Amino acid sequence: RVNKTKQRKAGKIAMAAIVAGGAIAAGALA
């Protein structure tokens, strides 16, 4: 259960980083 929770949390962090990177890239392009 702990491993699954850590994997979910890591996945959420990765998705947040991807979204933030996309927002930064869009801002730079703008």
PDB file of all heavy atoms in Angstrom:
ATOM      1  N   ARG A   1       0.834  -1.210   0.000  1.00  0.00           N
ATOM      2  CA  ARG A   1       0.000   0.000   0.000  1.00  0.00           C
ATOM      3  C   ARG A   1       0.867   1.258   0.000  1.00  0.00           C
ATOM      4  O   ARG A   1       0.570   2.224  -0.691  1.00  0.00           O
ATOM      5  CB  ARG A   1      -0.939  -0.001   1.218  1.00  0.00           C
ATOM      6  CG  ARG A   1      -2.110  -0.948   1.087  1.00  0.00           C
ATOM      7  CD  ARG A   1      -3.137  -0.702   2.170  1.00  0.00           C
ATOM      8  NE  ARG A   1      -2.676  -1.106   3.492  1.00  0.00           N
ATOM      9  CZ  ARG A   1      -2.779  -2.318   4.006  1.00  0.00           C
ATOM     10  NH1 ARG A   1      -3.321  -3.283   3.301  1.00  0.00           N
ATOM     11  NH2 ARG A   1      -2.341  -2.576   5.215  1.00  0.00           N
ATOM     12  N   VAL A   2       1.941   1.227   0.777  1.00  0.00           N
ATOM     13  CA  VAL A   2       2.848   2.377   0.828  1.00  0.00           C
ATOM     14  C   VAL A   2       3.475   2.606  -0.539  1.00  0.00           C
ATOM     15  O   VAL A   2       3.556   3.741  -1.015  1.00  0.00           O
ATOM     16  CB  VAL A   2       3.939   2.168   1.911  1.00  0.00           C
ATOM     17  CG1 VAL A   2       5.054   3.185   1.777  1.00  0.00           C
ATOM     18  CG2 VAL A   2       3.324   2.238   3.297  1.00  0.00           C
ATOM     19  N   ASN A   3       3.905   1.528  -1.201  1.00  0.00           N
ATOM     20  CA  ASN A   3       4.523   1.657  -2.527  1.00  0.00           C
ATOM     21  C   ASN A   3       3.531   2.243  -3.525  1.00  0.00           C
ATOM     22  O   ASN A   3       3.897   3.098  -4.339  1.00  0.00           O
ATOM     23  CB  ASN A   3       5.038   0.303  -3.018  1.00  0.00           C
ATOM     24  CG  ASN A   3       6.274  -0.141  -2.262  1.00  0.00           C
ATOM     25  OD1 ASN A   3       6.949   0.653  -1.631  1.00  0.00           O
ATOM     26  ND2 ASN A   3       6.563  -1.428  -2.314  1.00  0.00           N
ATOM     27  N   LYS A   4       2.276   1.785  -3.486  1.00  0.00           N
ATOM     28  CA  LYS A   4       1.265   2.313  -4.401  1.00  0.00           C
ATOM     29  C   LYS A   4       1.036   3.797  -4.149  1.00  0.00           C
ATOM     30  O   LYS A   4       0.912   4.590  -5.084  1.00  0.00           O
ATOM     31  CB  LYS A   4      -0.053   1.555  -4.244  1.00  0.00           C
ATOM     32  CG  LYS A   4      -0.059   0.193  -4.878  1.00  0.00           C
ATOM     33  CD  LYS A   4      -1.406  -0.473  -4.722  1.00  0.00           C
ATOM     34  CE  LYS A   4      -1.401  -1.865  -5.300  1.00  0.00           C
ATOM     35  NZ  LYS A   4      -2.688  -2.540  -5.085  1.00  0.00           N
ATOM     36  N   THR A   5       0.998   4.188  -2.877  1.00  0.00           N
ATOM     37  CA  THR A   5       0.795   5.591  -2.529  1.00  0.00           C
ATOM     38  C   THR A   5       1.957   6.430  -3.024  1.00  0.00           C
ATOM     39  O   THR A   5       1.750   7.524  -3.580  1.00  0.00           O
ATOM     40  CB  THR A   5       0.643   5.742  -1.000  1.00  0.00           C
ATOM     41  OG1 THR A   5      -0.463   4.949  -0.569  1.00  0.00           O
ATOM     42  CG2 THR A   5       0.400   7.175  -0.609  1.00  0.00           C
ATOM     43  N   LYS A   6       3.174   5.930  -2.851  1.00  0.00           N
ATOM     44  CA  LYS A   6       4.349   6.672  -3.323  1.00  0.00           C
ATOM     45  C   LYS A   6       4.330   6.801  -4.835  1.00  0.00           C
ATOM     46  O   LYS A   6       4.670   7.852  -5.377  1.00  0.00           O
ATOM     47  CB  LYS A   6       5.630   5.966  -2.879  1.00  0.00           C
ATOM     48  CG  LYS A   6       5.948   6.154  -1.419  1.00  0.00           C
ATOM     49  CD  LYS A   6       7.249   5.466  -1.048  1.00  0.00           C
ATOM     50  CE  LYS A   6       7.572   5.637   0.416  1.00  0.00           C
ATOM     51  NZ  LYS A   6       8.804   4.937   0.786  1.00  0.00           N
ATOM     52  N   GLN A   7       3.914   5.738  -5.529  1.00  0.00           N
ATOM     53  CA  GLN A   7       3.857   5.790  -6.993  1.00  0.00           C
ATOM     54  C   GLN A   7       2.818   6.809  -7.447  1.00  0.00           C
ATOM     55  O   GLN A   7       3.045   7.570  -8.395  1.00  0.00           O
ATOM     56  CB  GLN A   7       3.530   4.417  -7.568  1.00  0.00           C
ATOM     57  CG  GLN A   7       4.671   3.434  -7.483  1.00  0.00           C
ATOM     58  CD  GLN A   7       4.272   2.047  -7.961  1.00  0.00           C
ATOM     59  OE1 GLN A   7       3.106   1.771  -8.204  1.00  0.00           O
ATOM     60  NE2 GLN A   7       5.248   1.163  -8.077  1.00  0.00           N
ATOM     61  N   ARG A   8       1.669   6.828  -6.784  1.00  0.00           N
ATOM     62  CA  ARG A   8       0.635   7.800  -7.144  1.00  0.00           C
ATOM     63  C   ARG A   8       1.128   9.221  -6.922  1.00  0.00           C
ATOM     64  O   ARG A   8       0.910  10.103  -7.751  1.00  0.00           O
ATOM     65  CB  ARG A   8      -0.630   7.551  -6.321  1.00  0.00           C
ATOM     66  CG  ARG A   8      -1.402   6.336  -6.752  1.00  0.00           C
ATOM     67  CD  ARG A   8      -2.709   6.220  -5.991  1.00  0.00           C
ATOM     68  NE  ARG A   8      -3.298   4.930  -6.237  1.00  0.00           N
ATOM     69  CZ  ARG A   8      -3.667   4.073  -5.299  1.00  0.00           C
ATOM     70  NH1 ARG A   8      -3.514   4.370  -4.028  1.00  0.00           N
ATOM     71  NH2 ARG A   8      -4.187   2.918  -5.608  1.00  0.00           N
ATOM     72  N   LYS A   9       1.772   9.438  -5.772  1.00  0.00           N
ATOM     73  CA  LYS A   9       2.273  10.777  -5.461  1.00  0.00           C
ATOM     74  C   LYS A   9       3.332  11.192  -6.482  1.00  0.00           C
ATOM     75  O   LYS A   9       3.329  12.325  -6.958  1.00  0.00           O
ATOM     76  CB  LYS A   9       2.864  10.794  -4.052  1.00  0.00           C
ATOM     77  CG  LYS A   9       3.214  12.191  -3.561  1.00  0.00           C
ATOM     78  CD  LYS A   9       3.770  12.178  -2.156  1.00  0.00           C
ATOM     79  CE  LYS A   9       2.672  11.931  -1.174  1.00  0.00           C
ATOM     80  NZ  LYS A   9       3.136  12.053   0.219  1.00  0.00           N
ATOM     81  N   ALA A  10       4.220  10.273  -6.837  1.00  0.00           N
ATOM     82  CA  ALA A  10       5.258  10.576  -7.835  1.00  0.00           C
ATOM     83  C   ALA A  10       4.619  10.883  -9.186  1.00  0.00           C
ATOM     84  O   ALA A  10       5.056  11.794  -9.901  1.00  0.00           O
ATOM     85  CB  ALA A  10       6.231   9.416  -7.953  1.00  0.00           C
ATOM     86  N   GLY A  11       3.576  10.159  -9.541  1.00  0.00           N
ATOM     87  CA  GLY A  11       2.872  10.406 -10.789  1.00  0.00           C
ATOM     88  C   GLY A  11       2.225  11.783 -10.807  1.00  0.00           C
ATOM     89  O   GLY A  11       2.275  12.500 -11.811  1.00  0.00           O
ATOM     90  N   LYS A  12       1.630  12.161  -9.675  1.00  0.00           N
ATOM     91  CA  LYS A  12       0.996  13.483  -9.590  1.00  0.00           C
ATOM     92  C   LYS A  12       2.048  14.581  -9.689  1.00  0.00           C
ATOM     93  O   LYS A  12       1.831  15.601 -10.354  1.00  0.00           O
ATOM     94  CB  LYS A  12       0.224  13.607  -8.273  1.00  0.00           C
ATOM     95  CG  LYS A  12      -1.048  12.791  -8.244  1.00  0.00           C
ATOM     96  CD  LYS A  12      -1.762  12.920  -6.919  1.00  0.00           C
ATOM     97  CE  LYS A  12      -3.012  12.043  -6.895  1.00  0.00           C
ATOM     98  NZ  LYS A  12      -3.699  12.123  -5.598  1.00  0.00           N
ATOM     99  N   ILE A  13       3.182  14.385  -9.047  1.00  0.00           N
ATOM    100  CA  ILE A  13       4.259  15.379  -9.110  1.00  0.00           C
ATOM    101  C   ILE A  13       4.777  15.500 -10.538  1.00  0.00           C
ATOM    102  O   ILE A  13       5.018  16.604 -11.037  1.00  0.00           O
ATOM    103  CB  ILE A  13       5.388  15.015  -8.120  1.00  0.00           C
ATOM    104  CG1 ILE A  13       4.891  15.212  -6.687  1.00  0.00           C
ATOM    105  CG2 ILE A  13       6.632  15.843  -8.375  1.00  0.00           C
ATOM    106  CD1 ILE A  13       5.824  14.675  -5.625  1.00  0.00           C
ATOM    107  N   ALA A  14       4.935  14.357 -11.203  1.00  0.00           N
ATOM    108  CA  ALA A  14       5.416  14.374 -12.589  1.00  0.00           C
ATOM    109  C   ALA A  14       4.426  15.104 -13.488  1.00  0.00           C
ATOM    110  O   ALA A  14       4.828  15.906 -14.345  1.00  0.00           O
ATOM    111  CB  ALA A  14       5.645  12.951 -13.080  1.00  0.00           C
ATOM    112  N   MET A  15       3.147  14.847 -13.305  1.00  0.00           N
ATOM    113  CA  MET A  15       2.143  15.525 -14.124  1.00  0.00           C
ATOM    114  C   MET A  15       2.147  17.028 -13.857  1.00  0.00           C
ATOM    115  O   MET A  15       2.019  17.831 -14.787  1.00  0.00           O
ATOM    116  CB  MET A  15       0.746  14.947 -13.859  1.00  0.00           C
ATOM    117  CG  MET A  15       0.549  13.571 -14.441  1.00  0.00           C
ATOM    118  SD  MET A  15       0.836  13.510 -16.231  1.00  0.00           S
ATOM    119  CE  MET A  15      -0.446  14.560 -16.835  1.00  0.00           C
ATOM    120  N   ALA A  16       2.298  17.416 -12.603  1.00  0.00           N
ATOM    121  CA  ALA A  16       2.351  18.840 -12.272  1.00  0.00           C
ATOM    122  C   ALA A  16       3.568  19.488 -12.926  1.00  0.00           C
ATOM    123  O   ALA A  16       3.484  20.616 -13.432  1.00  0.00           O
ATOM    124  CB  ALA A  16       2.392  19.031 -10.756  1.00  0.00           C
ATOM    125  N   ALA A  17       4.689  18.781 -12.934  1.00  0.00           N
ATOM    126  CA  ALA A  17       5.900  19.311 -13.565  1.00  0.00           C
ATOM    127  C   ALA A  17       5.699  19.458 -15.076  1.00  0.00           C
ATOM    128  O   ALA A  17       6.133  20.449 -15.670  1.00  0.00           O
ATOM    129  CB  ALA A  17       7.090  18.397 -13.272  1.00  0.00           C
ATOM    130  N   ILE A  18       5.042  18.498 -15.683  1.00  0.00           N
ATOM    131  CA  ILE A  18       4.777  18.560 -17.127  1.00  0.00           C
ATOM    132  C   ILE A  18       3.864  19.747 -17.445  1.00  0.00           C
ATOM    133  O   ILE A  18       4.111  20.506 -18.386  1.00  0.00           O
ATOM    134  CB  ILE A  18       4.161  17.235 -17.625  1.00  0.00           C
ATOM    135  CG1 ILE A  18       5.210  16.126 -17.584  1.00  0.00           C
ATOM    136  CG2 ILE A  18       3.578  17.382 -19.021  1.00  0.00           C
ATOM    137  CD1 ILE A  18       4.657  14.736 -17.796  1.00  0.00           C
ATOM    138  N   VAL A  19       2.824  19.920 -16.638  1.00  0.00           N
ATOM    139  CA  VAL A  19       1.891  21.033 -16.856  1.00  0.00           C
ATOM    140  C   VAL A  19       2.615  22.364 -16.657  1.00  0.00           C
ATOM    141  O   VAL A  19       2.444  23.298 -17.452  1.00  0.00           O
ATOM    142  CB  VAL A  19       0.678  20.913 -15.909  1.00  0.00           C
ATOM    143  CG1 VAL A  19      -0.161  22.177 -15.914  1.00  0.00           C
ATOM    144  CG2 VAL A  19      -0.171  19.717 -16.320  1.00  0.00           C
ATOM    145  N   ALA A  20       3.427  22.445 -15.608  1.00  0.00           N
ATOM    146  CA  ALA A  20       4.172  23.687 -15.356  1.00  0.00           C
ATOM    147  C   ALA A  20       5.144  23.966 -16.497  1.00  0.00           C
ATOM    148  O   ALA A  20       5.281  25.114 -16.951  1.00  0.00           O
ATOM    149  CB  ALA A  20       4.919  23.600 -14.026  1.00  0.00           C
ATOM    150  N   GLY A  21       5.802  22.937 -16.974  1.00  0.00           N
ATOM    151  CA  GLY A  21       6.715  23.103 -18.113  1.00  0.00           C
ATOM    152  C   GLY A  21       5.983  23.569 -19.347  1.00  0.00           C
ATOM    153  O   GLY A  21       6.461  24.439 -20.090  1.00  0.00           O
ATOM    154  N   GLY A  22       4.819  23.028 -19.572  1.00  0.00           N
ATOM    155  CA  GLY A  22       4.002  23.451 -20.709  1.00  0.00           C
ATOM    156  C   GLY A  22       3.565  24.898 -20.585  1.00  0.00           C
ATOM    157  O   GLY A  22       3.582  25.656 -21.561  1.00  0.00           O
ATOM    158  N   ALA A  23       3.196  25.297 -19.368  1.00  0.00           N
ATOM    159  CA  ALA A  23       2.779  26.690 -19.148  1.00  0.00           C
ATOM    160  C   ALA A  23       3.950  27.641 -19.369  1.00  0.00           C
ATOM    161  O   ALA A  23       3.788  28.713 -19.968  1.00  0.00           O
ATOM    162  CB  ALA A  23       2.222  26.849 -17.739  1.00  0.00           C
ATOM    163  N   ILE A  24       5.120  27.244 -18.895  1.00  0.00           N
ATOM    164  CA  ILE A  24       6.309  28.083 -19.095  1.00  0.00           C
ATOM    165  C   ILE A  24       6.637  28.192 -20.582  1.00  0.00           C
ATOM    166  O   ILE A  24       6.934  29.270 -21.093  1.00  0.00           O
ATOM    167  CB  ILE A  24       7.502  27.527 -18.290  1.00  0.00           C
ATOM    168  CG1 ILE A  24       7.244  27.728 -16.792  1.00  0.00           C
ATOM    169  CG2 ILE A  24       8.811  28.179 -18.700  1.00  0.00           C
ATOM    170  CD1 ILE A  24       8.220  27.023 -15.891  1.00  0.00           C
ATOM    171  N   ALA A  25       6.564  27.060 -21.281  1.00  0.00           N
ATOM    172  CA  ALA A  25       6.848  27.071 -22.722  1.00  0.00           C
ATOM    173  C   ALA A  25       5.836  27.938 -23.459  1.00  0.00           C
ATOM    174  O   ALA A  25       6.206  28.722 -24.355  1.00  0.00           O
ATOM    175  CB  ALA A  25       6.840  25.650 -23.266  1.00  0.00           C
ATOM    176  N   ALA A  26       4.560  27.843 -23.100  1.00  0.00           N
ATOM    177  CA  ALA A  26       3.527  28.652 -23.749  1.00  0.00           C
ATOM    178  C   ALA A  26       3.764  30.131 -23.465  1.00  0.00           C
ATOM    179  O   ALA A  26       3.627  30.980 -24.358  1.00  0.00           O
ATOM    180  CB  ALA A  26       2.146  28.229 -23.265  1.00  0.00           C
ATOM    181  N   GLY A  27       4.149  30.438 -22.236  1.00  0.00           N
ATOM    182  CA  GLY A  27       4.438  31.827 -21.887  1.00  0.00           C
ATOM    183  C   GLY A  27       5.629  32.356 -22.661  1.00  0.00           C
ATOM    184  O   GLY A  27       5.624  33.504 -23.144  1.00  0.00           O
ATOM    185  N   ALA A  28       6.658  31.536 -22.805  1.00  0.00           N
ATOM    186  CA  ALA A  28       7.839  31.951 -23.561  1.00  0.00           C
ATOM    187  C   ALA A  28       7.482  32.200 -25.019  1.00  0.00           C
ATOM    188  O   ALA A  28       7.940  33.175 -25.635  1.00  0.00           O
ATOM    189  CB  ALA A  28       8.929  30.891 -23.442  1.00  0.00           C
ATOM    190  N   LEU A  29       6.664  31.299 -25.578  1.00  0.00           N
ATOM    191  CA  LEU A  29       6.240  31.489 -26.973  1.00  0.00           C
ATOM    192  C   LEU A  29       5.408  32.755 -27.126  1.00  0.00           C
ATOM    193  O   LEU A  29       5.541  33.493 -28.116  1.00  0.00           O
ATOM    194  CB  LEU A  29       5.457  30.272 -27.460  1.00  0.00           C
ATOM    195  CG  LEU A  29       6.269  28.992 -27.669  1.00  0.00           C
ATOM    196  CD1 LEU A  29       5.350  27.827 -27.997  1.00  0.00           C
ATOM    197  CD2 LEU A  29       7.290  29.203 -28.780  1.00  0.00           C
ATOM    198  N   ALA A  30       4.556  33.042 -26.150  1.00  0.00           N
ATOM    199  CA  ALA A  30       3.728  34.247 -26.215  1.00  0.00           C
ATOM    200  C   ALA A  30       4.599  35.497 -26.140  1.00  0.00           C
ATOM    201  O   ALA A  30       4.372  36.468 -26.881  1.00  0.00           O
ATOM    202  CB  ALA A  30       2.704  34.242 -25.088  1.00  0.00           C
TER     203      ALA A  30
END
